[in-house]
Amino acid sequence: MENSGCAWSRNDELLRFYHDTEWALPVHDDNMLFEHLSLEVMQCGLNWLLILKKREAFRLALARFDPRLLAAFSEKDVEGALAVPGMIRSRRKVEALVGNARAYLAMQEEFGTFHDWLWGFTEGHMLVYESHAHAVPPRNELSDRISAALKSRGFRYVGSITTYSLLQACGIINDHERDCPRFRAVMQGAKVRLITD
């Protein structure tokens, strides 16, 4: 049991908990999708463990990742967010998240839900890439396309690598190691498509 789970999650309790309870579990709630997207934005240039450790500080500083509240942030609100204890003090990232919240709301207005737009790229399927059993890439053609589409709609800090991490986190791509118990667990009840090329 000591070595069960993906290798990246084994050396820290917080990583293990995130791996066992969230990572690659399909996310169909718009607010939760926005939180995942925002965490990936905050992670740019930093390590994931740091982001998990600061998640509660982010929630306090960033209106619990509620896109409607965040979209209404003023300059004073941004200052207040940066002053929250434990917050990563990157004005550019906080301002990007405010802009992303506004872009997010515009997409909900256009598509009904952000979920429908994002999962529409795979027609609602979780993708399992046969080739990823040996090596997981930092990005792929799907993340390239979604990244470009997000940028065209005004999102920032959403390069292809960040977007690929989002797709892994919210269960659109299942990159659990094949001998990890979660590899099969996250597929329960999901529509799964095996990609063999």
C-alpha atoms as a PDB file:
ATOM      1  CA  MET A   1       0.000   0.000   0.000  1.00  0.00           C
ATOM      2  CA  GLU A   2       2.957   2.315   0.696  1.00  0.00           C
ATOM      3  CA  ASN A   3       3.806   2.562  -3.016  1.00  0.00           C
ATOM      4  CA  SER A   4       0.282   2.585  -4.403  1.00  0.00           C
ATOM      5  CA  GLY A   5      -0.774   5.611  -6.406  1.00  0.00           C
ATOM      6  CA  CYS A   6       1.073   7.648  -9.007  1.00  0.00           C
ATOM      7  CA  ALA A   7       4.752   8.261  -8.268  1.00  0.00           C
ATOM      8  CA  TRP A   8       4.337  12.070  -8.073  1.00  0.00           C
ATOM      9  CA  SER A   9       1.889  11.739  -5.171  1.00  0.00           C
ATOM     10  CA  ARG A  10       3.790   9.380  -2.890  1.00  0.00           C
ATOM     11  CA  ASN A  11       6.133  11.678  -0.988  1.00  0.00           C
ATOM     12  CA  ASP A  12       3.709  14.132   0.581  1.00  0.00           C
ATOM     13  CA  GLU A  13       0.407  13.698   2.429  1.00  0.00           C
ATOM     14  CA  LEU A  14      -1.252  16.698   0.787  1.00  0.00           C
ATOM     15  CA  LEU A  15      -0.261  15.532  -2.708  1.00  0.00           C
ATOM     16  CA  ARG A  16      -1.498  12.045  -1.857  1.00  0.00           C
ATOM     17  CA  PHE A  17      -4.857  13.372  -0.630  1.00  0.00           C
ATOM     18  CA  TYR A  18      -5.311  15.512  -3.767  1.00  0.00           C
ATOM     19  CA  HIS A  19      -4.331  12.550  -5.961  1.00  0.00           C
ATOM     20  CA  ASP A  20      -6.708  10.178  -4.166  1.00  0.00           C
ATOM     21  CA  THR A  21      -9.733  12.468  -3.970  1.00  0.00           C
ATOM     22  CA  GLU A  22      -9.597  14.914  -6.893  1.00  0.00           C
ATOM     23  CA  TRP A  23      -7.028  14.455  -9.631  1.00  0.00           C
ATOM     24  CA  ALA A  24      -8.592  13.210 -12.893  1.00  0.00           C
ATOM     25  CA  LEU A  25     -12.008  12.764 -11.299  1.00  0.00           C
ATOM     26  CA  PRO A  26     -14.431  14.184 -13.899  1.00  0.00           C
ATOM     27  CA  VAL A  27     -15.557  17.690 -12.929  1.00  0.00           C
ATOM     28  CA  HIS A  28     -18.947  18.800 -14.239  1.00  0.00           C
ATOM     29  CA  ASP A  29     -19.627  21.768 -11.950  1.00  0.00           C
ATOM     30  CA  ASP A  30     -18.851  25.178 -13.469  1.00  0.00           C
ATOM     31  CA  ASN A  31     -17.633  26.791 -10.244  1.00  0.00           C
ATOM     32  CA  MET A  32     -15.311  23.861  -9.571  1.00  0.00           C
ATOM     33  CA  LEU A  33     -13.988  24.026 -13.129  1.00  0.00           C
ATOM     34  CA  PHE A  34     -13.225  27.703 -12.585  1.00  0.00           C
ATOM     35  CA  GLU A  35     -11.387  26.876  -9.363  1.00  0.00           C
ATOM     36  CA  HIS A  36      -9.289  24.254 -11.167  1.00  0.00           C
ATOM     37  CA  LEU A  37      -8.512  26.711 -13.948  1.00  0.00           C
ATOM     38  CA  SER A  38      -7.549  29.399 -11.429  1.00  0.00           C
ATOM     39  CA  LEU A  39      -5.282  27.055  -9.477  1.00  0.00           C
ATOM     40  CA  GLU A  40      -3.487  26.116 -12.690  1.00  0.00           C
ATOM     41  CA  VAL A  41      -3.020  29.825 -13.478  1.00  0.00           C
ATOM     42  CA  MET A  42      -1.587  30.433  -9.996  1.00  0.00           C
ATOM     43  CA  GLN A  43       0.739  27.450 -10.469  1.00  0.00           C
ATOM     44  CA  CYS A  44       2.509  28.905 -13.531  1.00  0.00           C
ATOM     45  CA  GLY A  45       6.222  28.867 -12.710  1.00  0.00           C
ATOM     46  CA  LEU A  46       5.658  27.275  -9.280  1.00  0.00           C
ATOM     47  CA  ASN A  47       5.290  23.734  -7.955  1.00  0.00           C
ATOM     48  CA  TRP A  48       1.953  22.068  -7.377  1.00  0.00           C
ATOM     49  CA  LEU A  49       2.567  21.252  -3.705  1.00  0.00           C
ATOM     50  CA  LEU A  50       2.976  24.958  -2.942  1.00  0.00           C
ATOM     51  CA  ILE A  51      -0.342  25.661  -4.679  1.00  0.00           C
ATOM     52  CA  LEU A  52      -2.155  23.017  -2.636  1.00  0.00           C
ATOM     53  CA  LYS A  53      -0.661  24.402   0.585  1.00  0.00           C
ATOM     54  CA  LYS A  54      -1.937  27.871  -0.320  1.00  0.00           C
ATOM     55  CA  ARG A  55      -5.339  26.788  -1.632  1.00  0.00           C
ATOM     56  CA  GLU A  56      -7.245  28.046   1.427  1.00  0.00           C
ATOM     57  CA  ALA A  57      -5.405  31.392   1.272  1.00  0.00           C
ATOM     58  CA  PHE A  58      -6.406  31.632  -2.400  1.00  0.00           C
ATOM     59  CA  ARG A  59     -10.023  30.931  -1.507  1.00  0.00           C
ATOM     60  CA  LEU A  60      -9.981  33.679   1.109  1.00  0.00           C
ATOM     61  CA  ALA A  61      -8.249  36.172  -1.180  1.00  0.00           C
ATOM     62  CA  LEU A  62     -10.157  35.338  -4.372  1.00  0.00           C
ATOM     63  CA  ALA A  63     -13.808  35.263  -3.299  1.00  0.00           C
ATOM     64  CA  ARG A  64     -13.750  31.469  -2.950  1.00  0.00           C
ATOM     65  CA  PHE A  65     -13.165  31.335  -6.729  1.00  0.00           C
ATOM     66  CA  ASP A  66     -16.708  32.531  -7.384  1.00  0.00           C
ATOM     67  CA  PRO A  67     -16.371  33.954 -10.934  1.00  0.00           C
ATOM     68  CA  ARG A  68     -19.194  36.470 -10.439  1.00  0.00           C
ATOM     69  CA  LEU A  69     -17.617  37.950  -7.314  1.00  0.00           C
ATOM     70  CA  LEU A  70     -14.103  37.836  -8.752  1.00  0.00           C
ATOM     71  CA  ALA A  71     -15.196  39.495 -11.996  1.00  0.00           C
ATOM     72  CA  ALA A  72     -16.408  42.473  -9.958  1.00  0.00           C
ATOM     73  CA  PHE A  73     -13.026  43.027  -8.250  1.00  0.00           C
ATOM     74  CA  SER A  74     -11.834  46.632  -8.195  1.00  0.00           C
ATOM     75  CA  GLU A  75      -8.237  47.809  -7.848  1.00  0.00           C
ATOM     76  CA  LYS A  76      -8.859  48.037  -4.104  1.00  0.00           C
ATOM     77  CA  ASP A  77     -10.084  44.422  -4.047  1.00  0.00           C
ATOM     78  CA  VAL A  78      -6.926  43.314  -5.863  1.00  0.00           C
ATOM     79  CA  GLU A  79      -4.849  45.117  -3.225  1.00  0.00           C
ATOM     80  CA  GLY A  80      -6.852  43.392  -0.507  1.00  0.00           C
ATOM     81  CA  ALA A  81      -6.341  39.987  -2.128  1.00  0.00           C
ATOM     82  CA  LEU A  82      -2.586  40.509  -2.291  1.00  0.00           C
ATOM     83  CA  ALA A  83      -2.534  41.378   1.429  1.00  0.00           C
ATOM     84  CA  VAL A  84      -4.182  38.110   2.573  1.00  0.00           C
ATOM     85  CA  PRO A  85      -1.701  36.080   4.686  1.00  0.00           C
ATOM     86  CA  GLY A  86      -0.271  33.178   2.694  1.00  0.00           C
ATOM     87  CA  MET A  87      -1.329  34.650  -0.644  1.00  0.00           C
ATOM     88  CA  ILE A  88       1.110  34.524  -3.560  1.00  0.00           C
ATOM     89  CA  ARG A  89       1.793  38.214  -4.117  1.00  0.00           C
ATOM     90  CA  SER A  90       1.665  38.299  -7.884  1.00  0.00           C
ATOM     91  CA  ARG A  91      -0.421  41.260  -8.996  1.00  0.00           C
ATOM     92  CA  ARG A  92      -0.236  40.081 -12.614  1.00  0.00           C
ATOM     93  CA  LYS A  93      -1.737  36.700 -11.750  1.00  0.00           C
ATOM     94  CA  VAL A  94      -4.499  38.172  -9.593  1.00  0.00           C
ATOM     95  CA  GLU A  95      -5.376  40.672 -12.321  1.00  0.00           C
ATOM     96  CA  ALA A  96      -5.325  37.815 -14.842  1.00  0.00           C
ATOM     97  CA  LEU A  97      -7.776  35.852 -12.687  1.00  0.00           C
ATOM     98  CA  VAL A  98     -10.117  38.843 -12.510  1.00  0.00           C
ATOM     99  CA  GLY A  99      -9.991  39.108 -16.306  1.00  0.00           C
ATOM    100  CA  ASN A 100     -10.421  35.344 -16.632  1.00  0.00           C
ATOM    101  CA  ALA A 101     -13.524  35.488 -14.433  1.00  0.00           C
ATOM    102  CA  ARG A 102     -15.030  38.079 -16.767  1.00  0.00           C
ATOM    103  CA  ALA A 103     -14.175  35.957 -19.814  1.00  0.00           C
ATOM    104  CA  TYR A 104     -15.605  32.908 -18.022  1.00  0.00           C
ATOM    105  CA  LEU A 105     -18.933  34.656 -17.409  1.00  0.00           C
ATOM    106  CA  ALA A 106     -19.067  35.686 -21.066  1.00  0.00           C
ATOM    107  CA  MET A 107     -18.609  32.057 -22.076  1.00  0.00           C
ATOM    108  CA  GLN A 108     -21.363  30.925 -19.720  1.00  0.00           C
ATOM    109  CA  GLU A 109     -23.601  33.545 -21.318  1.00  0.00           C
ATOM    110  CA  GLU A 110     -22.757  32.256 -24.793  1.00  0.00           C
ATOM    111  CA  PHE A 111     -22.711  28.496 -24.205  1.00  0.00           C
ATOM    112  CA  GLY A 112     -24.980  28.050 -21.182  1.00  0.00           C
ATOM    113  CA  THR A 113     -22.136  26.551 -19.149  1.00  0.00           C
ATOM    114  CA  PHE A 114     -18.359  26.559 -19.404  1.00  0.00           C
ATOM    115  CA  HIS A 115     -18.618  22.815 -18.857  1.00  0.00           C
ATOM    116  CA  ASP A 116     -20.521  22.317 -22.111  1.00  0.00           C
ATOM    117  CA  TRP A 117     -17.897  24.263 -24.025  1.00  0.00           C
ATOM    118  CA  LEU A 118     -14.872  22.539 -22.467  1.00  0.00           C
ATOM    119  CA  TRP A 119     -16.181  18.967 -22.479  1.00  0.00           C
ATOM    120  CA  GLY A 120     -17.530  19.570 -25.972  1.00  0.00           C
ATOM    121  CA  PHE A 121     -13.976  19.189 -27.291  1.00  0.00           C
ATOM    122  CA  THR A 122     -14.164  15.464 -26.438  1.00  0.00           C
ATOM    123  CA  GLU A 123     -17.958  15.109 -26.860  1.00  0.00           C
ATOM    124  CA  GLY A 124     -18.208  14.458 -23.121  1.00  0.00           C
ATOM    125  CA  HIS A 125     -15.601  11.682 -23.101  1.00  0.00           C
ATOM    126  CA  MET A 126     -12.678  11.122 -20.774  1.00  0.00           C
ATOM    127  CA  LEU A 127      -9.636  10.389 -22.940  1.00  0.00           C
ATOM    128  CA  VAL A 128      -7.154   7.629 -22.176  1.00  0.00           C
ATOM    129  CA  TYR A 129      -4.088   7.791 -24.402  1.00  0.00           C
ATOM    130  CA  GLU A 130      -2.436   4.416 -24.937  1.00  0.00           C
ATOM    131  CA  SER A 131       0.946   6.098 -25.481  1.00  0.00           C
ATOM    132  CA  HIS A 132       0.780   7.845 -22.089  1.00  0.00           C
ATOM    133  CA  ALA A 133       1.232   4.500 -20.332  1.00  0.00           C
ATOM    134  CA  HIS A 134       4.956   4.927 -21.043  1.00  0.00           C
ATOM    135  CA  ALA A 135       5.469   8.695 -20.941  1.00  0.00           C
ATOM    136  CA  VAL A 136       3.052  11.538 -20.202  1.00  0.00           C
ATOM    137  CA  PRO A 137       3.669  14.639 -22.346  1.00  0.00           C
ATOM    138  CA  PRO A 138       3.499  18.185 -20.922  1.00  0.00           C
ATOM    139  CA  ARG A 139       1.007  19.182 -23.644  1.00  0.00           C
ATOM    140  CA  ASN A 140      -0.685  17.733 -26.736  1.00  0.00           C
ATOM    141  CA  GLU A 141      -2.731  18.709 -29.768  1.00  0.00           C
ATOM    142  CA  LEU A 142      -5.943  18.930 -27.713  1.00  0.00           C
ATOM    143  CA  SER A 143      -4.422  21.274 -25.133  1.00  0.00           C
ATOM    144  CA  ASP A 144      -2.944  23.343 -27.988  1.00  0.00           C
ATOM    145  CA  ARG A 145      -6.422  23.835 -29.469  1.00  0.00           C
ATOM    146  CA  ILE A 146      -8.163  24.592 -26.175  1.00  0.00           C
ATOM    147  CA  SER A 147      -5.370  26.956 -25.104  1.00  0.00           C
ATOM    148  CA  ALA A 148      -5.673  28.893 -28.364  1.00  0.00           C
ATOM    149  CA  ALA A 149      -9.457  29.068 -28.000  1.00  0.00           C
ATOM    150  CA  LEU A 150      -9.209  30.338 -24.400  1.00  0.00           C
ATOM    151  CA  LYS A 151      -6.660  32.980 -25.373  1.00  0.00           C
ATOM    152  CA  SER A 152      -8.867  34.143 -28.236  1.00  0.00           C
ATOM    153  CA  ARG A 153     -11.609  34.748 -25.659  1.00  0.00           C
ATOM    154  CA  GLY A 154      -9.421  36.885 -23.436  1.00  0.00           C
ATOM    155  CA  PHE A 155      -8.064  34.369 -20.937  1.00  0.00           C
ATOM    156  CA  ARG A 156      -4.499  34.867 -19.681  1.00  0.00           C
ATOM    157  CA  TYR A 157      -1.879  32.457 -18.301  1.00  0.00           C
ATOM    158  CA  VAL A 158      -3.515  29.629 -20.250  1.00  0.00           C
ATOM    159  CA  GLY A 159      -0.673  28.296 -22.373  1.00  0.00           C
ATOM    160  CA  SER A 160      -0.868  24.750 -23.681  1.00  0.00           C
ATOM    161  CA  ILE A 161       1.053  23.258 -20.719  1.00  0.00           C
ATOM    162  CA  THR A 162      -1.241  24.959 -18.203  1.00  0.00           C
ATOM    163  CA  THR A 163      -4.268  23.873 -20.220  1.00  0.00           C
ATOM    164  CA  TYR A 164      -3.025  20.282 -20.369  1.00  0.00           C
ATOM    165  CA  SER A 165      -2.712  20.282 -16.563  1.00  0.00           C
ATOM    166  CA  LEU A 166      -6.301  21.521 -16.360  1.00  0.00           C
ATOM    167  CA  LEU A 167      -7.502  18.697 -18.619  1.00  0.00           C
ATOM    168  CA  GLN A 168      -5.742  16.174 -16.379  1.00  0.00           C
ATOM    169  CA  ALA A 169      -7.075  17.738 -13.190  1.00  0.00           C
ATOM    170  CA  CYS A 170     -10.723  17.822 -14.263  1.00  0.00           C
ATOM    171  CA  GLY A 171     -10.829  14.334 -15.767  1.00  0.00           C
ATOM    172  CA  ILE A 172     -10.918  15.097 -19.470  1.00  0.00           C
ATOM    173  CA  ILE A 173      -7.593  13.268 -19.732  1.00  0.00           C
ATOM    174  CA  ASN A 174      -6.893  10.311 -17.439  1.00  0.00           C
ATOM    175  CA  ASP A 175      -3.131  10.215 -16.931  1.00  0.00           C
ATOM    176  CA  HIS A 176      -3.044   8.095 -13.793  1.00  0.00           C
ATOM    177  CA  GLU A 177      -0.338   5.447 -14.006  1.00  0.00           C
ATOM    178  CA  ARG A 178      -1.782   2.173 -15.229  1.00  0.00           C
ATOM    179  CA  ASP A 179      -1.023   0.320 -11.979  1.00  0.00           C
ATOM    180  CA  CYS A 180      -2.482   3.129  -9.869  1.00  0.00           C
ATOM    181  CA  PRO A 181      -5.838   2.134  -8.284  1.00  0.00           C
ATOM    182  CA  ARG A 182      -7.233   5.543  -9.268  1.00  0.00           C
ATOM    183  CA  PHE A 183      -6.689   4.836 -12.987  1.00  0.00           C
ATOM    184  CA  ARG A 184      -9.794   2.641 -13.054  1.00  0.00           C
ATOM    185  CA  ALA A 185     -11.615   4.375 -10.200  1.00  0.00           C
ATOM    186  CA  VAL A 186     -11.924   7.739 -11.989  1.00  0.00           C
ATOM    187  CA  MET A 187     -13.426   6.006 -15.039  1.00  0.00           C
ATOM    188  CA  GLN A 188     -16.395   4.632 -13.084  1.00  0.00           C
ATOM    189  CA  GLY A 189     -19.555   6.109 -14.608  1.00  0.00           C
ATOM    190  CA  ALA A 190     -17.619   8.119 -17.182  1.00  0.00           C
ATOM    191  CA  LYS A 191     -17.800   7.894 -20.972  1.00  0.00           C
ATOM    192  CA  VAL A 192     -14.264   6.825 -21.886  1.00  0.00           C
ATOM    193  CA  ARG A 193     -12.518   6.989 -25.239  1.00  0.00           C
ATOM    194  CA  LEU A 194      -9.252   5.114 -25.795  1.00  0.00           C
ATOM    195  CA  ILE A 195      -6.831   6.966 -28.067  1.00  0.00           C
ATOM    196  CA  THR A 196      -4.507   4.485 -29.724  1.00  0.00           C
ATOM    197  CA  ASP A 197      -2.417   6.631 -32.089  1.00  0.00           C
END
